[in-house]
C-alpha atoms as a PDB file:
ATOM      1  CA  MET A   1     -62.376-163.998 104.921  1.00  0.00           C
ATOM      2  CA  THR A   2     -64.737-165.673 102.078  1.00  0.00           C
ATOM      3  CA  ASP A   3     -68.292-165.540 102.065  1.00  0.00           C
ATOM      4  CA  GLU A   4     -67.901-169.368 101.936  1.00  0.00           C
ATOM      5  CA  LEU A   5     -65.928-169.522 104.833  1.00  0.00           C
ATOM      6  CA  ASN A   6     -68.136-167.000 106.831  1.00  0.00           C
ATOM      7  CA  HIS A   7     -71.666-169.134 105.834  1.00  0.00           C
ATOM      8  CA  TYR A   8     -69.434-172.356 107.576  1.00  0.00           C
ATOM      9  CA  LEU A   9     -68.463-170.581 111.033  1.00  0.00           C
ATOM     10  CA  GLN A  10     -72.130-169.504 111.148  1.00  0.00           C
ATOM     11  CA  ARG A  11     -73.654-172.680 110.437  1.00  0.00           C
ATOM     12  CA  HIS A  12     -71.489-174.298 112.761  1.00  0.00           C
ATOM     13  CA  ARG A  13     -71.102-171.601 115.599  1.00  0.00           C
ATOM     14  CA  ARG A  14     -74.003-173.205 117.666  1.00  0.00           C
ATOM     15  CA  ALA A  15     -72.688-176.435 117.610  1.00  0.00           C
ATOM     16  CA  ILE A  16     -69.429-175.160 118.903  1.00  0.00           C
ATOM     17  CA  GLN A  17     -71.068-172.981 121.706  1.00  0.00           C
ATOM     18  CA  LEU A  18     -72.645-175.947 122.766  1.00  0.00           C
ATOM     19  CA  LYS A  19     -69.599-178.251 123.103  1.00  0.00           C
ATOM     20  CA  GLN A  20     -67.716-175.198 125.013  1.00  0.00           C
ATOM     21  CA  LEU A  21     -70.936-175.112 127.526  1.00  0.00           C
ATOM     22  CA  GLY A  22     -70.349-178.714 127.876  1.00  0.00           C
ATOM     23  CA  ILE A  23     -66.612-177.664 129.211  1.00  0.00           C
ATOM     24  CA  LEU A  24     -68.126-175.105 131.071  1.00  0.00           C
ATOM     25  CA  LYS A  25     -70.458-177.499 133.215  1.00  0.00           C
ATOM     26  CA  ALA A  26     -67.029-179.901 133.455  1.00  0.00           C
ATOM     27  CA  ILE A  27     -64.941-176.946 134.897  1.00  0.00           C
ATOM     28  CA  ASP A  28     -68.589-175.877 137.441  1.00  0.00           C
ATOM     29  CA  ALA A  29     -68.483-179.533 138.705  1.00  0.00           C
ATOM     30  CA  VAL A  30     -64.925-179.507 139.840  1.00  0.00           C
ATOM     31  CA  CYS A  31     -64.966-175.991 141.042  1.00  0.00           C
ATOM     32  CA  ALA A  32     -67.979-177.328 143.386  1.00  0.00           C
ATOM     33  CA  ARG A  33     -66.440-180.606 144.372  1.00  0.00           C
ATOM     34  CA  ASN A  34     -63.311-178.937 145.370  1.00  0.00           C
ATOM     35  CA  HIS A  35     -64.742-175.780 146.932  1.00  0.00           C
ATOM     36  CA  ILE A  36     -62.744-173.715 144.401  1.00  0.00           C
ATOM     37  CA  ASP A  37     -64.287-170.554 143.633  1.00  0.00           C
ATOM     38  CA  TYR A  38     -64.799-168.799 140.132  1.00  0.00           C
ATOM     39  CA  TRP A  39     -66.910-166.508 138.128  1.00  0.00           C
ATOM     40  CA  LEU A  40     -67.920-165.942 134.248  1.00  0.00           C
ATOM     41  CA  ASP A  41     -66.003-162.933 132.729  1.00  0.00           C
ATOM     42  CA  GLY A  42     -65.562-160.613 129.962  1.00  0.00           C
ATOM     43  CA  GLY A  43     -68.050-161.780 126.620  1.00  0.00           C
ATOM     44  CA  THR A  44     -69.365-164.536 128.710  1.00  0.00           C
ATOM     45  CA  ILE A  45     -71.095-162.546 131.942  1.00  0.00           C
ATOM     46  CA  LEU A  46     -72.178-159.921 129.367  1.00  0.00           C
ATOM     47  CA  GLY A  47     -73.911-162.706 127.218  1.00  0.00           C
ATOM     48  CA  ALA A  48     -75.392-164.035 130.623  1.00  0.00           C
ATOM     49  CA  VAL A  49     -76.810-160.779 131.590  1.00  0.00           C
ATOM     50  CA  ARG A  50     -78.142-159.234 128.087  1.00  0.00           C
ATOM     51  CA  HIS A  51     -78.752-162.548 126.074  1.00  0.00           C
ATOM     52  CA  GLY A  52     -79.211-165.086 128.796  1.00  0.00           C
ATOM     53  CA  GLY A  53     -76.240-167.118 127.579  1.00  0.00           C
ATOM     54  CA  PHE A  54     -73.882-166.823 124.435  1.00  0.00           C
ATOM     55  CA  ILE A  55     -73.610-163.655 122.640  1.00  0.00           C
ATOM     56  CA  PRO A  56     -75.296-164.839 119.497  1.00  0.00           C
ATOM     57  CA  TRP A  57     -72.094-163.862 117.209  1.00  0.00           C
ATOM     58  CA  ASP A  58     -69.472-165.338 119.830  1.00  0.00           C
ATOM     59  CA  ASP A  59     -67.586-168.448 119.805  1.00  0.00           C
ATOM     60  CA  ASP A  60     -65.535-168.598 123.093  1.00  0.00           C
ATOM     61  CA  ILE A  61     -66.377-168.612 126.985  1.00  0.00           C
ATOM     62  CA  ASP A  62     -64.210-166.840 129.632  1.00  0.00           C
ATOM     63  CA  ILE A  63     -64.107-167.241 133.363  1.00  0.00           C
ATOM     64  CA  ALA A  64     -61.984-165.875 136.062  1.00  0.00           C
ATOM     65  CA  MET A  65     -60.292-167.378 139.037  1.00  0.00           C
ATOM     66  CA  ARG A  66     -58.137-165.953 142.038  1.00  0.00           C
ATOM     67  CA  LEU A  67     -54.603-166.341 141.259  1.00  0.00           C
ATOM     68  CA  GLU A  68     -54.435-168.165 144.689  1.00  0.00           C
ATOM     69  CA  ASP A  69     -56.649-170.877 143.492  1.00  0.00           C
ATOM     70  CA  LEU A  70     -55.298-171.901 140.181  1.00  0.00           C
ATOM     71  CA  PRO A  71     -52.988-174.476 141.790  1.00  0.00           C
ATOM     72  CA  ARG A  72     -55.579-176.395 143.182  1.00  0.00           C
ATOM     73  CA  PHE A  73     -57.905-175.881 140.135  1.00  0.00           C
ATOM     74  CA  VAL A  74     -55.018-177.444 138.012  1.00  0.00           C
ATOM     75  CA  GLU A  75     -54.377-180.472 140.270  1.00  0.00           C
ATOM     76  CA  ALA A  76     -58.241-180.987 140.998  1.00  0.00           C
ATOM     77  CA  ALA A  77     -58.516-180.788 136.765  1.00  0.00           C
ATOM     78  CA  ARG A  78     -56.146-183.061 136.061  1.00  0.00           C
ATOM     79  CA  ARG A  79     -57.840-185.510 138.251  1.00  0.00           C
ATOM     80  CA  GLU A  80     -61.257-184.952 137.592  1.00  0.00           C
ATOM     81  CA  LEU A  81     -61.923-183.501 134.246  1.00  0.00           C
ATOM     82  CA  PRO A  82     -63.348-186.233 132.065  1.00  0.00           C
ATOM     83  CA  ASP A  83     -60.681-187.935 129.618  1.00  0.00           C
ATOM     84  CA  HIS A  84     -61.834-185.916 126.569  1.00  0.00           C
ATOM     85  CA  LEU A  85     -60.789-182.740 128.238  1.00  0.00           C
ATOM     86  CA  TYR A  86     -57.296-181.687 129.707  1.00  0.00           C
ATOM     87  CA  ILE A  87     -55.842-178.421 131.267  1.00  0.00           C
ATOM     88  CA  GLN A  88     -53.365-176.477 129.431  1.00  0.00           C
ATOM     89  CA  THR A  89     -51.108-174.277 131.469  1.00  0.00           C
ATOM     90  CA  PRO A  90     -48.054-172.157 130.492  1.00  0.00           C
ATOM     91  CA  SER A  91     -46.158-174.941 132.680  1.00  0.00           C
ATOM     92  CA  THR A  92     -47.385-178.021 131.275  1.00  0.00           C
ATOM     93  CA  ASP A  93     -47.688-176.673 127.738  1.00  0.00           C
ATOM     94  CA  PRO A  94     -44.466-174.173 127.515  1.00  0.00           C
ATOM     95  CA  SER A  95     -45.211-173.482 123.741  1.00  0.00           C
ATOM     96  CA  VAL A  96     -48.647-171.220 124.446  1.00  0.00           C
ATOM     97  CA  ARG A  97     -48.632-167.977 123.628  1.00  0.00           C
ATOM     98  CA  LEU A  98     -50.474-166.393 126.253  1.00  0.00           C
ATOM     99  CA  PRO A  99     -50.156-166.470 130.122  1.00  0.00           C
ATOM    100  CA  ILE A 100     -53.677-167.714 130.042  1.00  0.00           C
ATOM    101  CA  TYR A 101     -55.123-170.814 131.448  1.00  0.00           C
ATOM    102  CA  LYS A 102     -57.482-173.495 129.560  1.00  0.00           C
ATOM    103  CA  VAL A 103     -59.232-176.087 129.595  1.00  0.00           C
ATOM    104  CA  ARG A 104     -59.449-177.513 125.983  1.00  0.00           C
ATOM    105  CA  ASP A 105     -61.062-180.328 124.069  1.00  0.00           C
ATOM    106  CA  ARG A 106     -59.022-183.220 122.741  1.00  0.00           C
ATOM    107  CA  ASN A 107     -61.529-184.297 119.912  1.00  0.00           C
ATOM    108  CA  SER A 108     -61.893-180.472 118.012  1.00  0.00           C
ATOM    109  CA  PHE A 109     -59.677-177.995 116.292  1.00  0.00           C
ATOM    110  CA  LEU A 110     -59.778-174.276 116.243  1.00  0.00           C
ATOM    111  CA  VAL A 111     -57.817-171.662 114.982  1.00  0.00           C
ATOM    112  CA  GLU A 112     -57.545-168.130 115.657  1.00  0.00           C
ATOM    113  CA  ALA A 113     -55.610-165.335 113.835  1.00  0.00           C
ATOM    114  CA  ALA A 114     -53.163-164.780 116.308  1.00  0.00           C
ATOM    115  CA  ASP A 115     -52.176-168.621 116.440  1.00  0.00           C
ATOM    116  CA  ASP A 116     -48.823-170.129 115.648  1.00  0.00           C
ATOM    117  CA  PHE A 117     -48.655-173.093 113.843  1.00  0.00           C
ATOM    118  CA  ALA A 118     -44.645-173.480 114.417  1.00  0.00           C
ATOM    119  CA  ARG A 119     -45.727-174.052 118.158  1.00  0.00           C
ATOM    120  CA  PRO A 120     -47.132-177.414 118.946  1.00  0.00           C
ATOM    121  CA  TYR A 121     -49.702-176.274 121.571  1.00  0.00           C
ATOM    122  CA  GLY A 122     -53.137-178.071 121.704  1.00  0.00           C
ATOM    123  CA  LYS A 123     -55.702-176.117 119.528  1.00  0.00           C
ATOM    124  CA  GLY A 124     -58.780-177.790 120.646  1.00  0.00           C
ATOM    125  CA  LEU A 125     -61.605-175.713 121.551  1.00  0.00           C
ATOM    126  CA  TYR A 126     -61.594-174.499 124.854  1.00  0.00           C
ATOM    127  CA  VAL A 127     -62.554-172.119 127.783  1.00  0.00           C
ATOM    128  CA  ASP A 128     -60.402-169.522 129.240  1.00  0.00           C
ATOM    129  CA  ILE A 129     -59.309-168.920 132.570  1.00  0.00           C
ATOM    130  CA  PHE A 130     -58.145-165.665 133.609  1.00  0.00           C
ATOM    131  CA  PRO A 131     -56.416-165.180 137.056  1.00  0.00           C
ATOM    132  CA  MET A 132     -57.042-162.553 138.895  1.00  0.00           C
ATOM    133  CA  MET A 133     -55.243-161.091 141.916  1.00  0.00           C
ATOM    134  CA  PRO A 134     -55.670-158.102 144.557  1.00  0.00           C
ATOM    135  CA  TYR A 135     -54.973-154.712 143.184  1.00  0.00           C
ATOM    136  CA  PRO A 136     -53.536-151.619 145.161  1.00  0.00           C
ATOM    137  CA  SER A 137     -55.801-148.792 146.111  1.00  0.00           C
ATOM    138  CA  VAL A 138     -54.360-146.624 143.108  1.00  0.00           C
ATOM    139  CA  SER A 139     -56.190-144.306 140.457  1.00  0.00           C
ATOM    140  CA  LYS A 140     -57.653-145.974 137.596  1.00  0.00           C
ATOM    141  CA  LYS A 141     -55.076-143.608 135.665  1.00  0.00           C
ATOM    142  CA  PHE A 142     -51.825-145.342 136.888  1.00  0.00           C
ATOM    143  CA  VAL A 143     -53.393-148.675 136.742  1.00  0.00           C
ATOM    144  CA  ARG A 144     -53.920-147.985 132.951  1.00  0.00           C
ATOM    145  CA  ARG A 145     -50.475-146.586 132.469  1.00  0.00           C
ATOM    146  CA  VAL A 146     -48.380-148.757 134.128  1.00  0.00           C
ATOM    147  CA  THR A 147     -50.643-152.125 133.107  1.00  0.00           C
ATOM    148  CA  ARG A 148     -50.565-150.607 129.354  1.00  0.00           C
ATOM    149  CA  GLY A 149     -47.228-150.176 129.337  1.00  0.00           C
ATOM    150  CA  TYR A 150     -46.081-153.802 131.090  1.00  0.00           C
ATOM    151  CA  CYS A 151     -48.087-155.664 128.601  1.00  0.00           C
ATOM    152  CA  ARG A 152     -46.988-153.678 125.879  1.00  0.00           C
ATOM    153  CA  ALA A 153     -43.227-154.072 126.369  1.00  0.00           C
ATOM    154  CA  ASN A 154     -43.816-158.095 127.590  1.00  0.00           C
ATOM    155  CA  ALA A 155     -45.670-158.615 124.110  1.00  0.00           C
ATOM    156  CA  ILE A 156     -42.581-157.242 122.468  1.00  0.00           C
ATOM    157  CA  LEU A 157     -39.984-159.151 124.645  1.00  0.00           C
ATOM    158  CA  CYS A 158     -41.772-162.716 124.258  1.00  0.00           C
ATOM    159  CA  SER A 159     -42.575-162.267 120.519  1.00  0.00           C
ATOM    160  CA  GLN A 160     -40.005-163.766 118.219  1.00  0.00           C
ATOM    161  CA  HIS A 161     -37.132-161.454 117.139  1.00  0.00           C
ATOM    162  CA  TYR A 162     -34.367-161.998 114.470  1.00  0.00           C
ATOM    163  CA  TYR A 163     -31.026-160.367 115.112  1.00  0.00           C
ATOM    164  CA  SER A 164     -30.385-156.834 113.908  1.00  0.00           C
ATOM    165  CA  TRP A 165     -29.088-153.931 115.910  1.00  0.00           C
ATOM    166  CA  ARG A 166     -32.731-152.652 116.081  1.00  0.00           C
ATOM    167  CA  SER A 167     -33.864-155.869 117.489  1.00  0.00           C
ATOM    168  CA  VAL A 168     -31.027-155.265 120.352  1.00  0.00           C
ATOM    169  CA  ALA A 169     -32.336-151.805 120.714  1.00  0.00           C
ATOM    170  CA  GLU A 170     -35.546-152.815 121.085  1.00  0.00           C
ATOM    171  CA  LEU A 171     -35.001-155.396 123.627  1.00  0.00           C
ATOM    172  CA  PHE A 172     -32.776-152.895 125.692  1.00  0.00           C
ATOM    173  CA  TYR A 173     -35.748-150.061 125.265  1.00  0.00           C
ATOM    174  CA  PHE A 174     -38.626-152.688 126.415  1.00  0.00           C
ATOM    175  CA  GLY A 175     -36.488-154.654 128.926  1.00  0.00           C
ATOM    176  CA  LEU A 176     -36.020-151.565 131.014  1.00  0.00           C
ATOM    177  CA  LYS A 177     -39.710-150.209 130.403  1.00  0.00           C
ATOM    178  CA  ARG A 178     -41.054-153.582 131.478  1.00  0.00           C
ATOM    179  CA  ALA A 179     -38.862-153.418 134.477  1.00  0.00           C
ATOM    180  CA  TRP A 180     -39.637-149.810 135.421  1.00  0.00           C
ATOM    181  CA  CYS A 181     -43.270-150.690 135.105  1.00  0.00           C
ATOM    182  CA  ARG A 182     -43.002-153.520 137.548  1.00  0.00           C
ATOM    183  CA  LEU A 183     -41.075-151.728 140.267  1.00  0.00           C
ATOM    184  CA  GLN A 184     -43.511-148.966 140.108  1.00  0.00           C
ATOM    185  CA  TRP A 185     -46.454-152.143 140.637  1.00  0.00           C
ATOM    186  CA  ASN A 186     -44.467-153.565 143.305  1.00  0.00           C
ATOM    187  CA  VAL A 187     -43.973-150.227 145.104  1.00  0.00           C
ATOM    188  CA  ALA A 188     -47.594-149.496 144.730  1.00  0.00           C
ATOM    189  CA  CYS A 189     -48.756-152.860 146.073  1.00  0.00           C
ATOM    190  CA  LEU A 190     -46.245-152.629 149.101  1.00  0.00           C
ATOM    191  CA  PHE A 191     -48.017-149.395 150.003  1.00  0.00           C
ATOM    192  CA  ARG A 192     -51.720-149.238 149.179  1.00  0.00           C
ATOM    193  CA  MET A 193     -52.417-152.819 149.254  1.00  0.00           C
ATOM    194  CA  LYS A 194     -56.048-152.733 150.785  1.00  0.00           C
ATOM    195  CA  GLY A 195     -57.792-155.379 149.029  1.00  0.00           C
ATOM    196  CA  GLU A 196     -60.243-152.747 147.830  1.00  0.00           C
ATOM    197  CA  TYR A 197     -59.873-153.764 144.001  1.00  0.00           C
ATOM    198  CA  THR A 198     -59.275-157.054 142.385  1.00  0.00           C
ATOM    199  CA  SER A 199     -58.613-157.697 138.353  1.00  0.00           C
ATOM    200  CA  ASN A 200     -56.368-159.864 135.942  1.00  0.00           C
ATOM    201  CA  THR A 201     -52.606-160.058 136.485  1.00  0.00           C
ATOM    202  CA  LEU A 202     -50.665-157.639 135.476  1.00  0.00           C
ATOM    203  CA  ASN A 203     -49.117-159.661 132.334  1.00  0.00           C
ATOM    204  CA  ASN A 204     -52.258-159.811 131.341  1.00  0.00           C
ATOM    205  CA  ASN A 205     -54.056-156.410 131.902  1.00  0.00           C
ATOM    206  CA  GLY A 206     -53.553-154.572 128.702  1.00  0.00           C
ATOM    207  CA  TYR A 207     -56.558-152.573 129.008  1.00  0.00           C
ATOM    208  CA  GLY A 208     -55.962-151.338 132.288  1.00  0.00           C
ATOM    209  CA  ILE A 209     -59.352-152.843 133.803  1.00  0.00           C
ATOM    210  CA  MET A 210     -59.788-152.799 137.591  1.00  0.00           C
ATOM    211  CA  HIS A 211     -62.689-154.199 139.285  1.00  0.00           C
ATOM    212  CA  ARG A 212     -63.845-153.368 143.224  1.00  0.00           C
ATOM    213  CA  THR A 213     -63.342-156.381 144.931  1.00  0.00           C
ATOM    214  CA  ASP A 214     -67.232-155.926 146.335  1.00  0.00           C
ATOM    215  CA  SER A 215     -68.353-156.526 142.996  1.00  0.00           C
ATOM    216  CA  ILE A 216     -67.055-159.867 142.669  1.00  0.00           C
ATOM    217  CA  PHE A 217     -67.455-161.658 145.940  1.00  0.00           C
ATOM    218  CA  PRO A 218     -69.600-162.763 146.820  1.00  0.00           C
ATOM    219  CA  THR A 219     -70.012-164.912 143.990  1.00  0.00           C
ATOM    220  CA  ARG A 220     -73.392-165.776 142.989  1.00  0.00           C
ATOM    221  CA  ARG A 221     -75.247-168.009 140.385  1.00  0.00           C
ATOM    222  CA  ILE A 222     -76.666-166.799 137.018  1.00  0.00           C
ATOM    223  CA  GLN A 223     -78.157-168.518 134.365  1.00  0.00           C
ATOM    224  CA  PHE A 224     -76.205-168.761 130.925  1.00  0.00           C
ATOM    225  CA  GLU A 225     -78.276-171.181 128.088  1.00  0.00           C
ATOM    226  CA  ASP A 226     -79.634-173.906 130.106  1.00  0.00           C
ATOM    227  CA  ALA A 227     -77.957-174.016 133.592  1.00  0.00           C
ATOM    228  CA  GLU A 228     -76.437-171.749 136.118  1.00  0.00           C
ATOM    229  CA  PHE A 229     -73.409-170.617 136.750  1.00  0.00           C
ATOM    230  CA  SER A 230     -70.808-168.554 139.180  1.00  0.00           C
ATOM    231  CA  ALA A 231     -70.888-164.916 138.476  1.00  0.00           C
ATOM    232  CA  PRO A 232     -69.561-161.656 140.226  1.00  0.00           C
ATOM    233  CA  ALA A 233     -71.541-160.505 142.750  1.00  0.00           C
ATOM    234  CA  ASN A 234     -72.835-157.364 141.077  1.00  0.00           C
ATOM    235  CA  PRO A 235     -72.823-157.707 137.400  1.00  0.00           C
ATOM    236  CA  ASP A 236     -73.545-154.009 136.455  1.00  0.00           C
ATOM    237  CA  ALA A 237     -70.536-152.670 138.303  1.00  0.00           C
ATOM    238  CA  TYR A 238     -68.663-155.274 136.660  1.00  0.00           C
ATOM    239  CA  LEU A 239     -69.877-155.243 133.383  1.00  0.00           C
ATOM    240  CA  THR A 240     -69.695-151.255 133.605  1.00  0.00           C
ATOM    241  CA  ASP A 241     -65.936-151.453 134.492  1.00  0.00           C
ATOM    242  CA  LEU A 242     -65.207-153.371 131.266  1.00  0.00           C
ATOM    243  CA  TYR A 243     -67.726-152.210 129.003  1.00  0.00           C
ATOM    244  CA  ARG A 244     -69.069-149.289 130.055  1.00  0.00           C
ATOM    245  CA  ASN A 245     -72.189-148.970 127.897  1.00  0.00           C
ATOM    246  CA  TYR A 246     -73.074-152.831 127.731  1.00  0.00           C
ATOM    247  CA  MET A 247     -76.474-153.125 126.984  1.00  0.00           C
ATOM    248  CA  GLN A 248     -75.892-151.193 123.609  1.00  0.00           C
ATOM    249  CA  LEU A 249     -75.632-153.553 120.687  1.00  0.00           C
ATOM    250  CA  PRO A 250     -72.038-152.916 118.884  1.00  0.00           C
ATOM    251  CA  PRO A 251     -72.394-152.329 114.716  1.00  0.00           C
ATOM    252  CA  GLU A 252     -73.038-155.271 112.668  1.00  0.00           C
ATOM    253  CA  ASP A 253     -69.720-154.872 111.225  1.00  0.00           C
ATOM    254  CA  LYS A 254     -68.544-155.465 114.773  1.00  0.00           C
ATOM    255  CA  ARG A 255     -70.228-158.838 115.511  1.00  0.00           C
ATOM    256  CA  GLY A 256     -68.058-161.450 114.962  1.00  0.00           C
ATOM    257  CA  GLY A 257     -66.341-164.125 116.662  1.00  0.00           C
ATOM    258  CA  HIS A 258     -62.533-164.556 117.516  1.00  0.00           C
ATOM    259  CA  ALA A 259     -62.291-168.062 115.496  1.00  0.00           C
ATOM    260  CA  VAL A 260     -61.403-167.893 111.929  1.00  0.00           C
ATOM    261  CA  PHE A 261     -61.535-171.542 111.655  1.00  0.00           C
ATOM    262  CA  TYR A 262     -63.143-174.463 113.707  1.00  0.00           C
ATOM    263  CA  VAL A 263     -64.188-178.248 113.732  1.00  0.00           C
ATOM    264  CA  GLU A 264     -66.353-179.041 116.530  1.00  0.00           C
ATOM    265  CA  THR A 265     -65.604-182.900 116.238  1.00  0.00           C
ATOM    266  CA  LEU A 266     -62.573-184.542 114.731  1.00  0.00           C
ATOM    267  CA  GLN A 267     -62.806-187.972 113.146  1.00  0.00           C
ATOM    268  CA  GLY A 268     -61.026-190.533 114.792  1.00  0.00           C
END
């Protein structure tokens, strides 16, 4: 990244954060009106606890929601979001890269390193919504092995392929690996599902994270910037699962956002 671009990103980061905060407030209002539970996740709950708002160098917002609540949220969001916002899902926008739901802003533009401009999915500023599901009561080692294996195989199978004997072999090998991981997971869910743990859906948990359900529910309100939003019941336990020593700041060379370019307001 050039110095000029880096300076541009730093100058505009606060404007980007405030626009994303506006999206979060709209989501919070929709959830409140429709009695839908959600909670701040990832770097957003970390920012709320450690900084009282955004991590200073961050440029995104993450929230989580029960998988079973997502259909209700999608329908409510379609009806109730302001006109400049829209809900983006793998079904409403099949060209999206990842199985993550987003509320996007129509009047902005954001580029991330992995963005694919051959795909026409919307690229405005957004808030990520990660679907969460009950996990079986199994060891963390099992969860890491199965979820990481499944996510890696799924990522390879879902990437663009060019015909060759190697690609055919990869499709066969990783297809079997994904099926084997899925089978192990289904068996564990069948025999060990006790409601003790909750985490990301299988295809979206490449880090193998699992949370105790009682560290999430009942959710409570927490200060983030100038407002309060829903948060896990025990942020300390939740953040320890995600980051271990979460109060320790990363080295300065690791303090960067996700975007490589953004425009907070497009000219009409």
